[in-house]
Amino acid sequence: MYEPMTAEDEATVCSQLQRPARGVVGVAYRCPCGKPAVVVTAPRLPDGTPFPTTYYLTCPRATSACSTLEAQGVMSQMTERLETDADLAAAYQRAHQAYLADRAQLGEVPQIAGVSAGGMPTRVKCVHVLVGHALAAGPGVNPLGDEALASIGEFWARPCLGDSSPEQHKPDQT
């Protein structure tokens, strides 16, 4: 589900978010450049606040691309499709259950029991959450996350924070 977060990872995530990260327990997905792109967050923050977003997208390039999709109205289009496509709705329900199962491995928080994130299982209210879940869980788990991820394309192709060469960010072709 995740790998431990190093001091370097923590510094990178703080730089990506432009604030200290809260409740992070590890890295769920790394950009091809090696930097964290999705972190795993505890279901209860250190201050006691329940936090349903297990997979938190931190990569500024991916976050920007998700914001663009949201501005284009993708969330309402996806929600409309959930209302009319029974197969898609069933697959999205399974994604919701997978998200809850992953979070349960981190602990139970009664205030958010049954609540995943991003609007699952009946609507879409945050593309960032769906992409974070798709990256962390891999293809085939969250159909709308996979779809949004395909729409944003190779978000890593532009330089990451502190880097200058796009060549450094191409995934290994071997």
Protein backbone atom coordinates (compact mmCIF):
# COMPACT_ATOMS: atom_id res chain seq x y z
CA MET A 1 0.00 0.00 0.00
CA TYR A 2 2.85 2.41 0.75
CA GLU A 3 6.52 2.73 1.50
CA PRO A 4 8.00 4.62 4.44
CA MET A 5 8.56 8.32 3.99
CA THR A 6 12.16 9.51 4.23
CA ALA A 7 13.30 12.91 5.48
CA GLU A 8 13.97 13.84 1.84
CA ASP A 9 10.43 12.74 0.89
CA GLU A 10 9.00 14.85 3.69
CA ALA A 11 10.94 17.92 2.53
CA THR A 12 9.79 17.32 -1.06
CA VAL A 13 6.14 16.95 -0.05
CA CYS A 14 6.31 20.12 2.07
CA SER A 15 7.75 21.93 -0.94
CA GLN A 16 5.08 20.48 -3.24
CA LEU A 17 2.26 21.48 -0.91
CA GLN A 18 3.91 24.75 0.15
CA ARG A 19 3.03 23.83 3.74
CA PRO A 20 3.83 21.09 6.22
CA ALA A 21 2.21 17.76 5.44
CA ARG A 22 -0.27 16.51 8.06
CA GLY A 23 -0.72 12.93 9.14
CA VAL A 24 1.34 11.41 6.34
CA VAL A 25 2.36 7.81 6.98
CA GLY A 26 4.10 7.00 3.71
CA VAL A 27 4.44 7.32 -0.05
CA ALA A 28 1.90 5.44 -2.18
CA TYR A 29 3.16 6.46 -5.61
CA ARG A 30 6.32 8.05 -6.94
CA CYS A 31 6.66 10.10 -10.08
CA PRO A 32 9.00 8.51 -12.63
CA CYS A 33 11.59 11.08 -11.43
CA GLY A 34 11.49 9.40 -8.00
CA LYS A 35 9.72 12.11 -6.03
CA PRO A 36 6.53 11.42 -4.09
CA ALA A 37 3.39 12.11 -6.12
CA VAL A 38 0.78 10.48 -3.84
CA VAL A 39 1.10 10.13 -0.08
CA VAL A 40 -0.90 8.00 2.33
CA THR A 41 -2.55 9.97 5.11
CA ALA A 42 -3.76 8.57 8.43
CA PRO A 43 -7.55 8.53 8.87
CA ARG A 44 -7.13 10.75 11.91
CA LEU A 45 -4.79 13.74 11.78
CA PRO A 46 -2.41 14.43 14.68
CA ASP A 47 -4.80 17.09 16.03
CA GLY A 48 -7.60 14.49 16.20
CA THR A 49 -9.48 15.60 13.09
CA PRO A 50 -10.99 12.72 11.07
CA PHE A 51 -9.49 12.74 7.57
CA PRO A 52 -11.12 10.51 4.93
CA THR A 53 -8.61 11.22 2.13
CA THR A 54 -6.22 8.28 2.36
CA TYR A 55 -4.47 8.93 -0.95
CA TYR A 56 -3.42 12.57 -1.20
CA LEU A 57 -2.09 13.83 -4.54
CA THR A 58 0.98 16.01 -3.92
CA CYS A 59 2.62 16.36 -7.33
CA PRO A 60 2.06 19.97 -8.44
CA ARG A 61 1.94 18.99 -12.14
CA ALA A 62 -0.68 16.30 -11.57
CA THR A 63 -2.62 18.57 -9.21
CA SER A 64 -2.68 21.35 -11.80
CA ALA A 65 -3.85 18.96 -14.51
CA CYS A 66 -6.65 17.69 -12.25
CA SER A 67 -7.72 21.27 -11.51
CA THR A 68 -7.93 21.90 -15.25
CA LEU A 69 -10.18 18.85 -15.70
CA GLU A 70 -12.40 20.05 -12.88
CA ALA A 71 -12.64 23.51 -14.45
CA GLN A 72 -13.70 21.86 -17.71
CA GLY A 73 -16.71 20.27 -16.01
CA VAL A 74 -15.46 16.68 -15.92
CA MET A 75 -16.90 16.02 -12.45
CA SER A 76 -20.50 16.66 -13.46
CA GLN A 77 -20.04 14.66 -16.68
CA MET A 78 -18.68 11.70 -14.73
CA THR A 79 -21.49 11.94 -12.18
CA GLU A 80 -24.09 11.95 -14.98
CA ARG A 81 -22.51 8.81 -16.44
CA LEU A 82 -22.67 7.11 -13.04
CA GLU A 83 -26.43 7.72 -13.06
CA THR A 84 -26.93 6.09 -16.47
CA ASP A 85 -24.22 3.41 -16.77
CA ALA A 86 -24.85 0.51 -14.37
CA ASP A 87 -21.52 -1.18 -15.15
CA LEU A 88 -19.59 2.01 -14.45
CA ALA A 89 -21.55 2.59 -11.24
CA ALA A 90 -20.80 -0.98 -10.09
CA ALA A 91 -17.09 -0.58 -10.83
CA TYR A 92 -17.03 2.75 -8.99
CA GLN A 93 -18.77 1.10 -6.02
CA ARG A 94 -15.98 -1.51 -6.00
CA ALA A 95 -13.40 1.33 -6.06
CA HIS A 96 -15.15 2.84 -3.04
CA GLN A 97 -14.95 -0.49 -1.20
CA ALA A 98 -11.26 -0.88 -2.11
CA TYR A 99 -10.56 2.63 -0.80
CA LEU A 100 -12.30 1.85 2.48
CA ALA A 101 -10.40 -1.44 2.83
CA ASP A 102 -7.08 0.35 2.28
CA ARG A 103 -7.95 2.99 4.88
CA ALA A 104 -9.05 0.31 7.39
CA GLN A 105 -5.48 -1.01 7.35
CA LEU A 106 -4.46 2.34 8.87
CA GLY A 107 -7.09 2.37 11.59
CA GLU A 108 -10.79 2.87 12.15
CA VAL A 109 -12.34 6.28 12.75
CA PRO A 110 -16.08 6.03 13.52
CA GLN A 111 -16.81 9.58 12.32
CA ILE A 112 -15.83 8.65 8.75
CA ALA A 113 -16.94 5.00 8.69
CA GLY A 114 -18.31 4.19 5.24
CA VAL A 115 -17.07 7.48 3.79
CA SER A 116 -14.29 7.15 1.25
CA ALA A 117 -13.31 10.28 -0.67
CA GLY A 118 -13.91 12.23 -3.84
CA GLY A 119 -17.66 11.61 -3.80
CA MET A 120 -17.45 7.83 -4.08
CA PRO A 121 -19.55 5.82 -4.56
CA THR A 122 -22.38 7.87 -6.06
CA ARG A 123 -20.82 11.04 -7.45
CA VAL A 124 -17.57 12.76 -8.34
CA LYS A 125 -16.60 15.78 -6.32
CA CYS A 126 -12.79 15.72 -6.55
CA VAL A 127 -10.74 14.55 -9.52
CA HIS A 128 -7.55 14.91 -7.46
CA VAL A 129 -8.71 12.15 -5.11
CA LEU A 130 -9.63 9.84 -7.99
CA VAL A 131 -6.26 10.32 -9.68
CA GLY A 132 -4.44 9.83 -6.38
CA HIS A 133 -6.35 6.58 -5.86
CA ALA A 134 -5.69 5.42 -9.42
CA LEU A 135 -1.95 6.09 -9.10
CA ALA A 136 -1.71 4.44 -5.68
CA ALA A 137 -3.86 1.38 -6.42
CA GLY A 138 -2.83 0.86 -10.03
CA PRO A 139 -4.93 0.41 -13.16
CA GLY A 140 -8.29 -1.30 -12.99
CA VAL A 141 -9.26 -0.37 -9.42
CA ASN A 142 -10.89 3.04 -9.88
CA PRO A 143 -12.41 3.39 -13.37
CA LEU A 144 -13.00 7.13 -13.17
CA GLY A 145 -9.56 7.67 -11.65
CA ASP A 146 -8.04 5.68 -14.51
CA GLU A 147 -10.03 7.77 -16.98
CA ALA A 148 -8.95 11.07 -15.43
CA LEU A 149 -5.34 9.88 -15.30
CA ALA A 150 -5.47 9.02 -19.01
CA SER A 151 -6.88 12.49 -19.69
CA ILE A 152 -4.06 14.31 -17.90
CA GLY A 153 -1.42 12.27 -19.68
CA GLU A 154 2.27 12.37 -18.83
CA PHE A 155 2.14 15.01 -16.13
CA TRP A 156 5.76 14.23 -15.23
CA ALA A 157 7.06 15.28 -18.66
CA ARG A 158 7.60 18.84 -17.43
CA PRO A 159 10.34 19.40 -14.86
CA CYS A 160 9.49 18.70 -11.25
CA LEU A 161 10.21 21.10 -8.42
CA GLY A 162 13.86 22.10 -8.36
CA ASP A 163 14.62 20.33 -11.63
CA SER A 164 15.23 21.84 -15.01
CA SER A 165 15.52 19.06 -17.59
CA PRO A 166 12.40 17.28 -18.87
CA GLU A 167 14.68 14.41 -19.96
CA GLN A 168 15.13 13.51 -16.28
CA HIS A 169 11.43 12.71 -15.98
CA LYS A 170 10.79 10.18 -18.68
CA PRO A 171 9.79 6.78 -17.32
CA ASP A 172 12.32 4.00 -17.81
CA GLN A 173 11.75 2.48 -21.24
CA THR A 174 13.54 -0.82 -20.50
